[in-house]
Structure formats: structure tokens, C-alpha cells
Amino acid sequence: MGSFKNKVKKGFRKIAEVLSGEIIIKKGWDRHFGFLLYVFVLAVLYITWSLFVETKMAQAKDNEAGIEEMKIEYYQKNLVLTGLNQRTRIENLLKESGNSTLHAPDCPPQTIIIE
């Protein structure tokens, strides 16, 4: 039981050394402070860049979904407009409105040749 208490005390002592910064002086890491700072900055930049890329990828995915919705809307409107271009459909719409004097021609179009 005594050895367990000693292990726990040593564990707490090591945690306290890490949190207080004593471990840096004891191990001689203060000489490498510049390098440690450089590694820390690189780690922060790596994490920041990863989050930035992840955000942009999510945006691209949302944009693709928006483009697909717009394509569907375009095809639907194109289908409606194609239906409106049919001659009989236009004639029926004009008859339904009742206030148009337009009517279909009696004879087909002819070419006029001027000599």
C-alpha cells in the first residue's frame, strides 16, 4: 500500500512540475526554447489551416447542392417555356384570355421575291 501512495505522490509531483514549468528548467529545455516555440507555432498553424480547409470544403459542398437545385429549377422553367412555344398552346391561351384579336393565319407564309 505504501508503494501505491509513493507512485501517486510522484505522479502528482510530475504533474505539478509540468504545470508550473519547472520541468523545462530541470531537463534543460530552456536552451531549446526557440525551437519549442517554433514547433508550437507550426502546430497552431497546422490546426488553423486544417480548420480553414475543412470550412472551405463544407462551403463547396453547400454550393454544389445549390447548383443542383438551380439546375432542376432551370430545367423545370425550360420545360414550361417549351410548352408555351407550341402553336396550339398559344392559341388556346389567347382564346381563354378572351381580350385578344390575334388569330392563326389562314395560309402559310410565302416568300416575296423582288426583281
PDB file of N, CA and C in Angstrom:
ATOM      1  N   MET A   1       0.821  -1.190   0.000  1.00  0.00           N
ATOM      2  CA  MET A   1       0.000   0.000   0.000  1.00  0.00           C
ATOM      3  C   MET A   1       0.863   1.250   0.000  1.00  0.00           C
ATOM      4  N   GLY A   2       2.025   1.182   0.642  1.00  0.00           N
ATOM      5  CA  GLY A   2       2.926   2.336   0.726  1.00  0.00           C
ATOM      6  C   GLY A   2       3.492   2.703  -0.627  1.00  0.00           C
ATOM      7  N   SER A   3       3.794   1.683  -1.459  1.00  0.00           N
ATOM      8  CA  SER A   3       4.356   1.979  -2.769  1.00  0.00           C
ATOM      9  C   SER A   3       3.322   2.649  -3.676  1.00  0.00           C
ATOM     10  N   PHE A   4       2.040   2.303  -3.484  1.00  0.00           N
ATOM     11  CA  PHE A   4       0.986   2.940  -4.279  1.00  0.00           C
ATOM     12  C   PHE A   4       0.894   4.423  -3.956  1.00  0.00           C
ATOM     13  N   LYS A   5       0.991   4.758  -2.639  1.00  0.00           N
ATOM     14  CA  LYS A   5       0.953   6.165  -2.235  1.00  0.00           C
ATOM     15  C   LYS A   5       2.148   6.916  -2.799  1.00  0.00           C
ATOM     16  N   ASN A   6       3.310   6.268  -2.796  1.00  0.00           N
ATOM     17  CA  ASN A   6       4.504   6.917  -3.349  1.00  0.00           C
ATOM     18  C   ASN A   6       4.343   7.172  -4.848  1.00  0.00           C
ATOM     19  N   LYS A   7       3.761   6.208  -5.562  1.00  0.00           N
ATOM     20  CA  LYS A   7       3.541   6.382  -7.004  1.00  0.00           C
ATOM     21  C   LYS A   7       2.575   7.521  -7.268  1.00  0.00           C
ATOM     22  N   VAL A   8       1.525   7.599  -6.456  1.00  0.00           N
ATOM     23  CA  VAL A   8       0.543   8.668  -6.621  1.00  0.00           C
ATOM     24  C   VAL A   8       1.197  10.023  -6.342  1.00  0.00           C
ATOM     25  N   LYS A   9       2.012  10.094  -5.274  1.00  0.00           N
ATOM     26  CA  LYS A   9       2.695  11.349  -4.934  1.00  0.00           C
ATOM     27  C   LYS A   9       3.648  11.759  -6.049  1.00  0.00           C
ATOM     28  N   LYS A  10       4.399  10.782  -6.592  1.00  0.00           N
ATOM     29  CA  LYS A  10       5.309  11.081  -7.694  1.00  0.00           C
ATOM     30  C   LYS A  10       4.528  11.568  -8.918  1.00  0.00           C
ATOM     31  N   GLY A  11       3.387  10.945  -9.178  1.00  0.00           N
ATOM     32  CA  GLY A  11       2.553  11.363 -10.311  1.00  0.00           C
ATOM     33  C   GLY A  11       2.072  12.794 -10.140  1.00  0.00           C
ATOM     34  N   PHE A  12       1.597  13.125  -8.932  1.00  0.00           N
ATOM     35  CA  PHE A  12       1.146  14.491  -8.681  1.00  0.00           C
ATOM     36  C   PHE A  12       2.301  15.482  -8.767  1.00  0.00           C
ATOM     37  N   ARG A  13       3.486  15.059  -8.279  1.00  0.00           N
ATOM     38  CA  ARG A  13       4.663  15.926  -8.340  1.00  0.00           C
ATOM     39  C   ARG A  13       5.039  16.217  -9.791  1.00  0.00           C
ATOM     40  N   LYS A  14       4.986  15.185 -10.640  1.00  0.00           N
ATOM     41  CA  LYS A  14       5.328  15.371 -12.058  1.00  0.00           C
ATOM     42  C   LYS A  14       4.316  16.292 -12.751  1.00  0.00           C
ATOM     43  N   ILE A  15       3.032  16.106 -12.416  1.00  0.00           N
ATOM     44  CA  ILE A  15       2.003  16.973 -13.000  1.00  0.00           C
ATOM     45  C   ILE A  15       2.227  18.413 -12.557  1.00  0.00           C
ATOM     46  N   ALA A  16       2.567  18.597 -11.268  1.00  0.00           N
ATOM     47  CA  ALA A  16       2.818  19.941 -10.759  1.00  0.00           C
ATOM     48  C   ALA A  16       4.039  20.555 -11.446  1.00  0.00           C
ATOM     49  N   GLU A  17       5.080  19.742 -11.693  1.00  0.00           N
ATOM     50  CA  GLU A  17       6.283  20.237 -12.387  1.00  0.00           C
ATOM     51  C   GLU A  17       5.934  20.691 -13.810  1.00  0.00           C
ATOM     52  N   VAL A  18       5.115  19.918 -14.489  1.00  0.00           N
ATOM     53  CA  VAL A  18       4.734  20.264 -15.864  1.00  0.00           C
ATOM     54  C   VAL A  18       3.923  21.550 -15.875  1.00  0.00           C
ATOM     55  N   LEU A  19       2.935  21.627 -14.960  1.00  0.00           N
ATOM     56  CA  LEU A  19       2.069  22.802 -14.931  1.00  0.00           C
ATOM     57  C   LEU A  19       2.795  24.062 -14.484  1.00  0.00           C
ATOM     58  N   SER A  20       3.756  23.933 -13.591  1.00  0.00           N
ATOM     59  CA  SER A  20       4.479  25.121 -13.105  1.00  0.00           C
ATOM     60  C   SER A  20       5.622  25.520 -14.034  1.00  0.00           C
ATOM     61  N   GLY A  21       6.050  24.612 -14.888  1.00  0.00           N
ATOM     62  CA  GLY A  21       7.136  24.924 -15.807  1.00  0.00           C
ATOM     63  C   GLY A  21       8.508  24.530 -15.280  1.00  0.00           C
ATOM     64  N   GLU A  22       8.576  23.932 -14.098  1.00  0.00           N
ATOM     65  CA  GLU A  22       9.853  23.512 -13.525  1.00  0.00           C
ATOM     66  C   GLU A  22      10.530  22.451 -14.379  1.00  0.00           C
ATOM     67  N   ILE A  23       9.746  21.635 -15.052  1.00  0.00           N
ATOM     68  CA  ILE A  23      10.320  20.555 -15.851  1.00  0.00           C
ATOM     69  C   ILE A  23      11.205  21.109 -16.959  1.00  0.00           C
ATOM     70  N   ILE A  24      10.869  22.275 -17.468  1.00  0.00           N
ATOM     71  CA  ILE A  24      11.662  22.884 -18.537  1.00  0.00           C
ATOM     72  C   ILE A  24      13.056  23.222 -18.030  1.00  0.00           C
ATOM     73  N   ILE A  25      13.136  23.763 -16.816  1.00  0.00           N
ATOM     74  CA  ILE A  25      14.439  24.133 -16.246  1.00  0.00           C
ATOM     75  C   ILE A  25      15.211  22.891 -15.811  1.00  0.00           C
ATOM     76  N   LYS A  26      14.529  21.918 -15.196  1.00  0.00           N
ATOM     77  CA  LYS A  26      15.195  20.699 -14.719  1.00  0.00           C
ATOM     78  C   LYS A  26      15.795  19.902 -15.867  1.00  0.00           C
ATOM     79  N   LYS A  27      15.086  19.781 -16.959  1.00  0.00           N
ATOM     80  CA  LYS A  27      15.548  18.965 -18.086  1.00  0.00           C
ATOM     81  C   LYS A  27      16.473  19.745 -19.018  1.00  0.00           C
ATOM     82  N   GLY A  28      16.602  21.038 -18.810  1.00  0.00           N
ATOM     83  CA  GLY A  28      17.484  21.830 -19.663  1.00  0.00           C
ATOM     84  C   GLY A  28      16.823  22.227 -20.974  1.00  0.00           C
ATOM     85  N   TRP A  29      15.523  22.198 -21.000  1.00  0.00           N
ATOM     86  CA  TRP A  29      14.811  22.536 -22.234  1.00  0.00           C
ATOM     87  C   TRP A  29      14.765  24.038 -22.481  1.00  0.00           C
ATOM     88  N   ASP A  30      15.153  24.820 -21.470  1.00  0.00           N
ATOM     89  CA  ASP A  30      15.128  26.274 -21.648  1.00  0.00           C
ATOM     90  C   ASP A  30      16.122  26.710 -22.730  1.00  0.00           C
ATOM     91  N   ARG A  31      17.146  25.884 -22.974  1.00  0.00           N
ATOM     92  CA  ARG A  31      18.095  26.199 -24.045  1.00  0.00           C
ATOM     93  C   ARG A  31      17.438  26.060 -25.416  1.00  0.00           C
ATOM     94  N   HIS A  32      16.438  25.229 -25.493  1.00  0.00           N
ATOM     95  CA  HIS A  32      15.762  24.956 -26.770  1.00  0.00           C
ATOM     96  C   HIS A  32      14.418  25.681 -26.860  1.00  0.00           C
ATOM     97  N   PHE A  33      14.276  26.743 -26.100  1.00  0.00           N
ATOM     98  CA  PHE A  33      13.001  27.446 -26.051  1.00  0.00           C
ATOM     99  C   PHE A  33      12.585  27.962 -27.436  1.00  0.00           C
ATOM    100  N   GLY A  34      13.518  28.476 -28.203  1.00  0.00           N
ATOM    101  CA  GLY A  34      13.211  28.974 -29.548  1.00  0.00           C
ATOM    102  C   GLY A  34      12.646  27.877 -30.433  1.00  0.00           C
ATOM    103  N   PHE A  35      13.284  26.717 -30.382  1.00  0.00           N
ATOM    104  CA  PHE A  35      12.817  25.592 -31.185  1.00  0.00           C
ATOM    105  C   PHE A  35      11.434  25.126 -30.729  1.00  0.00           C
ATOM    106  N   LEU A  36      11.225  25.047 -29.401  1.00  0.00           N
ATOM    107  CA  LEU A  36       9.926  24.641 -28.876  1.00  0.00           C
ATOM    108  C   LEU A  36       8.841  25.641 -29.290  1.00  0.00           C
ATOM    109  N   LEU A  37       9.168  26.923 -29.259  1.00  0.00           N
ATOM    110  CA  LEU A  37       8.226  27.948 -29.689  1.00  0.00           C
ATOM    111  C   LEU A  37       7.910  27.785 -31.176  1.00  0.00           C
ATOM    112  N   TYR A  38       8.934  27.490 -31.975  1.00  0.00           N
ATOM    113  CA  TYR A  38       8.757  27.269 -33.404  1.00  0.00           C
ATOM    114  C   TYR A  38       7.837  26.075 -33.669  1.00  0.00           C
ATOM    115  N   VAL A  39       8.040  24.984 -32.947  1.00  0.00           N
ATOM    116  CA  VAL A  39       7.200  23.796 -33.100  1.00  0.00           C
ATOM    117  C   VAL A  39       5.765  24.114 -32.677  1.00  0.00           C
ATOM    118  N   PHE A  40       5.603  24.867 -31.604  1.00  0.00           N
ATOM    119  CA  PHE A  40       4.269  25.249 -31.144  1.00  0.00           C
ATOM    120  C   PHE A  40       3.550  26.101 -32.198  1.00  0.00           C
ATOM    121  N   VAL A  41       4.253  27.068 -32.770  1.00  0.00           N
ATOM    122  CA  VAL A  41       3.662  27.927 -33.800  1.00  0.00           C
ATOM    123  C   VAL A  41       3.282  27.088 -35.020  1.00  0.00           C
ATOM    124  N   LEU A  42       4.141  26.147 -35.412  1.00  0.00           N
ATOM    125  CA  LEU A  42       3.817  25.276 -36.539  1.00  0.00           C
ATOM    126  C   LEU A  42       2.568  24.446 -36.253  1.00  0.00           C
ATOM    127  N   ALA A  43       2.449  23.950 -35.034  1.00  0.00           N
ATOM    128  CA  ALA A  43       1.270  23.150 -34.672  1.00  0.00           C
ATOM    129  C   ALA A  43      -0.001  24.001 -34.734  1.00  0.00           C
ATOM    130  N   VAL A  44       0.087  25.225 -34.238  1.00  0.00           N
ATOM    131  CA  VAL A  44      -1.074  26.123 -34.281  1.00  0.00           C
ATOM    132  C   VAL A  44      -1.434  26.440 -35.727  1.00  0.00           C
ATOM    133  N   LEU A  45      -0.449  26.711 -36.566  1.00  0.00           N
ATOM    134  CA  LEU A  45      -0.711  26.991 -37.980  1.00  0.00           C
ATOM    135  C   LEU A  45      -1.322  25.777 -38.678  1.00  0.00           C
ATOM    136  N   TYR A  46      -0.834  24.599 -38.365  1.00  0.00           N
ATOM    137  CA  TYR A  46      -1.368  23.372 -38.960  1.00  0.00           C
ATOM    138  C   TYR A  46      -2.839  23.192 -38.599  1.00  0.00           C
ATOM    139  N   ILE A  47      -3.169  23.391 -37.331  1.00  0.00           N
ATOM    140  CA  ILE A  47      -4.553  23.248 -36.882  1.00  0.00           C
ATOM    141  C   ILE A  47      -5.431  24.306 -37.540  1.00  0.00           C
ATOM    142  N   THR A  48      -4.942  25.543 -37.583  1.00  0.00           N
ATOM    143  CA  THR A  48      -5.704  26.625 -38.206  1.00  0.00           C
ATOM    144  C   THR A  48      -5.947  26.338 -39.677  1.00  0.00           C
ATOM    145  N   TRP A  49      -4.918  25.899 -40.382  1.00  0.00           N
ATOM    146  CA  TRP A  49      -5.048  25.603 -41.811  1.00  0.00           C
ATOM    147  C   TRP A  49      -6.030  24.457 -42.051  1.00  0.00           C
ATOM    148  N   SER A  50      -5.978  23.446 -41.195  1.00  0.00           N
ATOM    149  CA  SER A  50      -6.899  22.310 -41.326  1.00  0.00           C
ATOM    150  C   SER A  50      -8.346  22.766 -41.159  1.00  0.00           C
ATOM    151  N   LEU A  51      -8.590  23.621 -40.176  1.00  0.00           N
ATOM    152  CA  LEU A  51      -9.948  24.127 -39.966  1.00  0.00           C
ATOM    153  C   LEU A  51     -10.397  24.990 -41.143  1.00  0.00           C
ATOM    154  N   PHE A  52      -9.489  25.784 -41.691  1.00  0.00           N
ATOM    155  CA  PHE A  52      -9.804  26.632 -42.843  1.00  0.00           C
ATOM    156  C   PHE A  52     -10.183  25.780 -44.042  1.00  0.00           C
ATOM    157  N   VAL A  53      -9.393  24.750 -44.310  1.00  0.00           N
ATOM    158  CA  VAL A  53      -9.663  23.865 -45.450  1.00  0.00           C
ATOM    159  C   VAL A  53     -10.985  23.132 -45.247  1.00  0.00           C
ATOM    160  N   GLU A  54     -11.232  22.681 -44.036  1.00  0.00           N
ATOM    161  CA  GLU A  54     -12.484  21.976 -43.749  1.00  0.00           C
ATOM    162  C   GLU A  54     -13.684  22.890 -43.976  1.00  0.00           C
ATOM    163  N   THR A  55     -13.570  24.153 -43.568  1.00  0.00           N
ATOM    164  CA  THR A  55     -14.647  25.121 -43.776  1.00  0.00           C
ATOM    165  C   THR A  55     -14.886  25.339 -45.263  1.00  0.00           C
ATOM    166  N   LYS A  56     -13.813  25.494 -46.027  1.00  0.00           N
ATOM    167  CA  LYS A  56     -13.952  25.713 -47.470  1.00  0.00           C
ATOM    168  C   LYS A  56     -14.561  24.497 -48.159  1.00  0.00           C
ATOM    169  N   MET A  57     -14.205  23.308 -47.725  1.00  0.00           N
ATOM    170  CA  MET A  57     -14.777  22.101 -48.319  1.00  0.00           C
ATOM    171  C   MET A  57     -16.271  22.013 -48.024  1.00  0.00           C
ATOM    172  N   ALA A  58     -16.671  22.389 -46.816  1.00  0.00           N
ATOM    173  CA  ALA A  58     -18.099  22.388 -46.471  1.00  0.00           C
ATOM    174  C   ALA A  58     -18.843  23.418 -47.325  1.00  0.00           C
ATOM    175  N   GLN A  59     -18.210  24.584 -47.535  1.00  0.00           N
ATOM    176  CA  GLN A  59     -18.814  25.609 -48.389  1.00  0.00           C
ATOM    177  C   GLN A  59     -18.971  25.103 -49.810  1.00  0.00           C
ATOM    178  N   ALA A  60     -17.956  24.433 -50.323  1.00  0.00           N
ATOM    179  CA  ALA A  60     -18.017  23.904 -51.696  1.00  0.00           C
ATOM    180  C   ALA A  60     -19.138  22.875 -51.815  1.00  0.00           C
ATOM    181  N   LYS A  61     -19.302  22.047 -50.798  1.00  0.00           N
ATOM    182  CA  LYS A  61     -20.366  21.046 -50.825  1.00  0.00           C
ATOM    183  C   LYS A  61     -21.738  21.725 -50.818  1.00  0.00           C
ATOM    184  N   ASP A  62     -21.890  22.773 -49.999  1.00  0.00           N
ATOM    185  CA  ASP A  62     -23.150  23.520 -49.976  1.00  0.00           C
ATOM    186  C   ASP A  62     -23.406  24.184 -51.327  1.00  0.00           C
ATOM    187  N   ASN A  63     -22.354  24.721 -51.942  1.00  0.00           N
ATOM    188  CA  ASN A  63     -22.509  25.360 -53.252  1.00  0.00           C
ATOM    189  C   ASN A  63     -22.933  24.348 -54.313  1.00  0.00           C
ATOM    190  N   GLU A  64     -22.366  23.152 -54.257  1.00  0.00           N
ATOM    191  CA  GLU A  64     -22.752  22.108 -55.214  1.00  0.00           C
ATOM    192  C   GLU A  64     -24.231  21.758 -55.064  1.00  0.00           C
ATOM    193  N   ALA A  65     -24.698  21.693 -53.827  1.00  0.00           N
ATOM    194  CA  ALA A  65     -26.118  21.401 -53.591  1.00  0.00           C
ATOM    195  C   ALA A  65     -26.981  22.534 -54.155  1.00  0.00           C
ATOM    196  N   GLY A  66     -26.544  23.779 -53.975  1.00  0.00           N
ATOM    197  CA  GLY A  66     -27.278  24.913 -54.524  1.00  0.00           C
ATOM    198  C   GLY A  66     -27.311  24.892 -56.035  1.00  0.00           C
ATOM    199  N   ILE A  67     -26.199  24.516 -56.638  1.00  0.00           N
ATOM    200  CA  ILE A  67     -26.131  24.437 -58.101  1.00  0.00           C
ATOM    201  C   ILE A  67     -27.088  23.371 -58.614  1.00  0.00           C
ATOM    202  N   GLU A  68     -27.142  22.232 -57.934  1.00  0.00           N
ATOM    203  CA  GLU A  68     -28.065  21.170 -58.347  1.00  0.00           C
ATOM    204  C   GLU A  68     -29.517  21.652 -58.268  1.00  0.00           C
ATOM    205  N   GLU A  69     -29.853  22.387 -57.211  1.00  0.00           N
ATOM    206  CA  GLU A  69     -31.211  22.917 -57.083  1.00  0.00           C
ATOM    207  C   GLU A  69     -31.513  23.888 -58.224  1.00  0.00           C
ATOM    208  N   MET A  70     -30.549  24.728 -58.566  1.00  0.00           N
ATOM    209  CA  MET A  70     -30.742  25.703 -59.642  1.00  0.00           C
ATOM    210  C   MET A  70     -30.880  25.008 -60.998  1.00  0.00           C
ATOM    211  N   LYS A  71     -30.135  23.919 -61.197  1.00  0.00           N
ATOM    212  CA  LYS A  71     -30.267  23.167 -62.444  1.00  0.00           C
ATOM    213  C   LYS A  71     -31.674  22.594 -62.578  1.00  0.00           C
ATOM    214  N   ILE A  72     -32.190  22.044 -61.489  1.00  0.00           N
ATOM    215  CA  ILE A  72     -33.540  21.478 -61.511  1.00  0.00           C
ATOM    216  C   ILE A  72     -34.555  22.577 -61.824  1.00  0.00           C
ATOM    217  N   GLU A  73     -34.389  23.727 -61.184  1.00  0.00           N
ATOM    218  CA  GLU A  73     -35.300  24.846 -61.441  1.00  0.00           C
ATOM    219  C   GLU A  73     -35.203  25.304 -62.896  1.00  0.00           C
ATOM    220  N   TYR A  74     -33.984  25.351 -63.430  1.00  0.00           N
ATOM    221  CA  TYR A  74     -33.785  25.748 -64.831  1.00  0.00           C
ATOM    222  C   TYR A  74     -34.501  24.786 -65.775  1.00  0.00           C
ATOM    223  N   TYR A  75     -34.327  23.496 -65.552  1.00  0.00           N
ATOM    224  CA  TYR A  75     -34.960  22.508 -66.423  1.00  0.00           C
ATOM    225  C   TYR A  75     -36.483  22.588 -66.329  1.00  0.00           C
ATOM    226  N   GLN A  76     -37.012  22.836 -65.143  1.00  0.00           N
ATOM    227  CA  GLN A  76     -38.460  22.960 -64.997  1.00  0.00           C
ATOM    228  C   GLN A  76     -38.978  24.172 -65.767  1.00  0.00           C
ATOM    229  N   LYS A  77     -38.299  25.311 -65.629  1.00  0.00           N
ATOM    230  CA  LYS A  77     -38.726  26.518 -66.343  1.00  0.00           C
ATOM    231  C   LYS A  77     -38.567  26.341 -67.851  1.00  0.00           C
ATOM    232  N   ASN A  78     -37.508  25.679 -68.256  1.00  0.00           N
ATOM    233  CA  ASN A  78     -37.287  25.430 -69.674  1.00  0.00           C
ATOM    234  C   ASN A  78     -38.409  24.555 -70.235  1.00  0.00           C
ATOM    235  N   LEU A  79     -38.824  23.583 -69.478  1.00  0.00           N
ATOM    236  CA  LEU A  79     -39.916  22.707 -69.900  1.00  0.00           C
ATOM    237  C   LEU A  79     -41.216  23.492 -70.048  1.00  0.00           C
ATOM    238  N   VAL A  80     -41.485  24.391 -69.104  1.00  0.00           N
ATOM    239  CA  VAL A  80     -42.696  25.205 -69.175  1.00  0.00           C
ATOM    240  C   VAL A  80     -42.642  26.112 -70.403  1.00  0.00           C
ATOM    241  N   LEU A  81     -41.489  26.762 -70.624  1.00  0.00           N
ATOM    242  CA  LEU A  81     -41.360  27.662 -71.773  1.00  0.00           C
ATOM    243  C   LEU A  81     -41.439  26.900 -73.098  1.00  0.00           C
ATOM    244  N   THR A  82     -40.911  25.710 -73.146  1.00  0.00           N
ATOM    245  CA  THR A  82     -41.003  24.906 -74.358  1.00  0.00           C
ATOM    246  C   THR A  82     -42.463  24.572 -74.648  1.00  0.00           C
ATOM    247  N   GLY A  83     -43.212  24.283 -73.608  1.00  0.00           N
ATOM    248  CA  GLY A  83     -44.641  24.013 -73.779  1.00  0.00           C
ATOM    249  C   GLY A  83     -45.386  25.245 -74.270  1.00  0.00           C
ATOM    250  N   LEU A  84     -44.942  26.437 -73.844  1.00  0.00           N
ATOM    251  CA  LEU A  84     -45.603  27.663 -74.287  1.00  0.00           C
ATOM    252  C   LEU A  84     -45.292  27.988 -75.748  1.00  0.00           C
ATOM    253  N   ASN A  85     -44.222  27.458 -76.287  1.00  0.00           N
ATOM    254  CA  ASN A  85     -43.857  27.739 -77.675  1.00  0.00           C
ATOM    255  C   ASN A  85     -44.703  26.956 -78.672  1.00  0.00           C
ATOM    256  N   GLN A  86     -45.441  25.994 -78.234  1.00  0.00           N
ATOM    257  CA  GLN A  86     -46.271  25.215 -79.145  1.00  0.00           C
ATOM    258  C   GLN A  86     -47.439  26.081 -79.624  1.00  0.00           C
ATOM    259  N   ARG A  87     -47.689  26.051 -80.899  1.00  0.00           N
ATOM    260  CA  ARG A  87     -48.680  26.926 -81.531  1.00  0.00           C
ATOM    261  C   ARG A  87     -50.084  26.716 -80.961  1.00  0.00           C
ATOM    262  N   THR A  88     -50.492  25.485 -80.820  1.00  0.00           N
ATOM    263  CA  THR A  88     -51.847  25.227 -80.318  1.00  0.00           C
ATOM    264  C   THR A  88     -51.993  25.706 -78.878  1.00  0.00           C
ATOM    265  N   ARG A  89     -50.941  25.561 -78.109  1.00  0.00           N
ATOM    266  CA  ARG A  89     -50.979  26.016 -76.704  1.00  0.00           C
ATOM    267  C   ARG A  89     -51.171  27.528 -76.658  1.00  0.00           C
ATOM    268  N   ILE A  90     -50.465  28.265 -77.515  1.00  0.00           N
ATOM    269  CA  ILE A  90     -50.586  29.717 -77.555  1.00  0.00           C
ATOM    270  C   ILE A  90     -51.998  30.116 -77.996  1.00  0.00           C
ATOM    271  N   GLU A  91     -52.515  29.431 -79.005  1.00  0.00           N
ATOM    272  CA  GLU A  91     -53.875  29.730 -79.470  1.00  0.00           C
ATOM    273  C   GLU A  91     -54.895  29.513 -78.359  1.00  0.00           C
ATOM    274  N   ASN A  92     -54.749  28.445 -77.619  1.00  0.00           N
ATOM    275  CA  ASN A  92     -55.672  28.162 -76.518  1.00  0.00           C
ATOM    276  C   ASN A  92     -55.577  29.223 -75.422  1.00  0.00           C
ATOM    277  N   LEU A  93     -54.357  29.655 -75.108  1.00  0.00           N
ATOM    278  CA  LEU A  93     -54.178  30.694 -74.088  1.00  0.00           C
ATOM    279  C   LEU A  93     -54.826  32.004 -74.536  1.00  0.00           C
ATOM    280  N   LEU A  94     -54.696  32.335 -75.828  1.00  0.00           N
ATOM    281  CA  LEU A  94     -55.303  33.560 -76.343  1.00  0.00           C
ATOM    282  C   LEU A  94     -56.831  33.474 -76.305  1.00  0.00           C
ATOM    283  N   LYS A  95     -57.387  32.310 -76.632  1.00  0.00           N
ATOM    284  CA  LYS A  95     -58.847  32.135 -76.582  1.00  0.00           C
ATOM    285  C   LYS A  95     -59.356  32.240 -75.151  1.00  0.00           C
ATOM    286  N   GLU A  96     -58.597  31.659 -74.214  1.00  0.00           N
ATOM    287  CA  GLU A  96     -59.004  31.682 -72.803  1.00  0.00           C
ATOM    288  C   GLU A  96     -59.001  33.099 -72.254  1.00  0.00           C
ATOM    289  N   SER A  97     -58.027  33.914 -72.683  1.00  0.00           N
ATOM    290  CA  SER A  97     -57.960  35.283 -72.167  1.00  0.00           C
ATOM    291  C   SER A  97     -59.137  36.117 -72.671  1.00  0.00           C
ATOM    292  N   GLY A  98     -59.582  35.852 -73.900  1.00  0.00           N
ATOM    293  CA  GLY A  98     -60.782  36.496 -74.428  1.00  0.00           C
ATOM    294  C   GLY A  98     -60.608  37.929 -74.883  1.00  0.00           C
ATOM    295  N   ASN A  99     -59.569  38.609 -74.560  1.00  0.00           N
ATOM    296  CA  ASN A  99     -59.420  40.004 -74.948  1.00  0.00           C
ATOM    297  C   ASN A  99     -58.310  40.199 -75.986  1.00  0.00           C
ATOM    298  N   SER A 100     -58.052  39.193 -76.787  1.00  0.00           N
ATOM    299  CA  SER A 100     -57.035  39.284 -77.830  1.00  0.00           C
ATOM    300  C   SER A 100     -57.708  39.129 -79.194  1.00  0.00           C
ATOM    301  N   THR A 101     -57.249  39.940 -80.151  1.00  0.00           N
ATOM    302  CA  THR A 101     -57.808  39.860 -81.509  1.00  0.00           C
ATOM    303  C   THR A 101     -56.896  39.059 -82.437  1.00  0.00           C
ATOM    304  N   LEU A 102     -55.870  38.479 -81.906  1.00  0.00           N
ATOM    305  CA  LEU A 102     -54.955  37.689 -82.725  1.00  0.00           C
ATOM    306  C   LEU A 102     -55.590  36.349 -83.081  1.00  0.00           C
ATOM    307  N   HIS A 103     -55.281  35.858 -84.284  1.00  0.00           N
ATOM    308  CA  HIS A 103     -55.746  34.538 -84.695  1.00  0.00           C
ATOM    309  C   HIS A 103     -54.695  33.911 -85.612  1.00  0.00           C
ATOM    310  N   ALA A 104     -54.817  32.638 -85.800  1.00  0.00           N
ATOM    311  CA  ALA A 104     -53.852  31.914 -86.641  1.00  0.00           C
ATOM    312  C   ALA A 104     -54.031  32.333 -88.104  1.00  0.00           C
ATOM    313  N   PRO A 105     -52.953  32.417 -88.884  1.00  0.00           N
ATOM    314  CA  PRO A 105     -53.082  32.777 -90.292  1.00  0.00           C
ATOM    315  C   PRO A 105     -53.819  31.679 -91.081  1.00  0.00           C
ATOM    316  N   ASP A 106     -54.540  32.112 -92.154  1.00  0.00           N
ATOM    317  CA  ASP A 106     -55.292  31.162 -92.977  1.00  0.00           C
ATOM    318  C   ASP A 106     -54.403  30.436 -93.979  1.00  0.00           C
ATOM    319  N   CYS A 107     -53.382  31.119 -94.474  1.00  0.00           N
ATOM    320  CA  CYS A 107     -52.490  30.492 -95.452  1.00  0.00           C
ATOM    321  C   CYS A 107     -51.064  30.524 -94.918  1.00  0.00           C
ATOM    322  N   PRO A 108     -50.240  29.597 -95.349  1.00  0.00           N
ATOM    323  CA  PRO A 108     -48.852  29.534 -94.875  1.00  0.00           C
ATOM    324  C   PRO A 108     -48.064  30.747 -95.368  1.00  0.00           C
ATOM    325  N   PRO A 109     -46.946  31.053 -94.717  1.00  0.00           N
ATOM    326  CA  PRO A 109     -46.124  32.189 -95.146  1.00  0.00           C
ATOM    327  C   PRO A 109     -45.562  31.955 -96.544  1.00  0.00           C
ATOM    328  N   GLN A 110     -45.409  33.046 -97.290  1.00  0.00           N
ATOM    329  CA  GLN A 110     -44.872  32.956 -98.644  1.00  0.00           C
ATOM    330  C   GLN A 110     -43.638  33.826 -98.760  1.00  0.00           C
ATOM    331  N   THR A 111     -42.780  33.464 -99.663  1.00  0.00           N
ATOM    332  CA  THR A 111     -41.567  34.236 -99.916  1.00  0.00           C
ATOM    333  C   THR A 111     -41.867  35.307-100.956  1.00  0.00           C
ATOM    334  N   ILE A 112     -41.451  36.509-100.691  1.00  0.00           N
ATOM    335  CA  ILE A 112     -41.645  37.617-101.625  1.00  0.00           C
ATOM    336  C   ILE A 112     -40.321  37.835-102.347  1.00  0.00           C
ATOM    337  N   ILE A 113     -40.364  37.767-103.650  1.00  0.00           N
ATOM    338  CA  ILE A 113     -39.158  37.952-104.448  1.00  0.00           C
ATOM    339  C   ILE A 113     -39.290  39.275-105.198  1.00  0.00           C
ATOM    340  N   ILE A 114     -38.337  40.152-104.993  1.00  0.00           N
ATOM    341  CA  ILE A 114     -38.338  41.444-105.671  1.00  0.00           C
ATOM    342  C   ILE A 114     -37.279  41.400-106.756  1.00  0.00           C
ATOM    343  N   GLU A 115     -37.729  41.724-107.997  1.00  0.00           N
ATOM    344  CA  GLU A 115     -36.775  41.695-109.098  1.00  0.00           C
ATOM    345  C   GLU A 115     -36.359  43.066-109.495  1.00  0.00           C
TER     346      GLU A 115
END
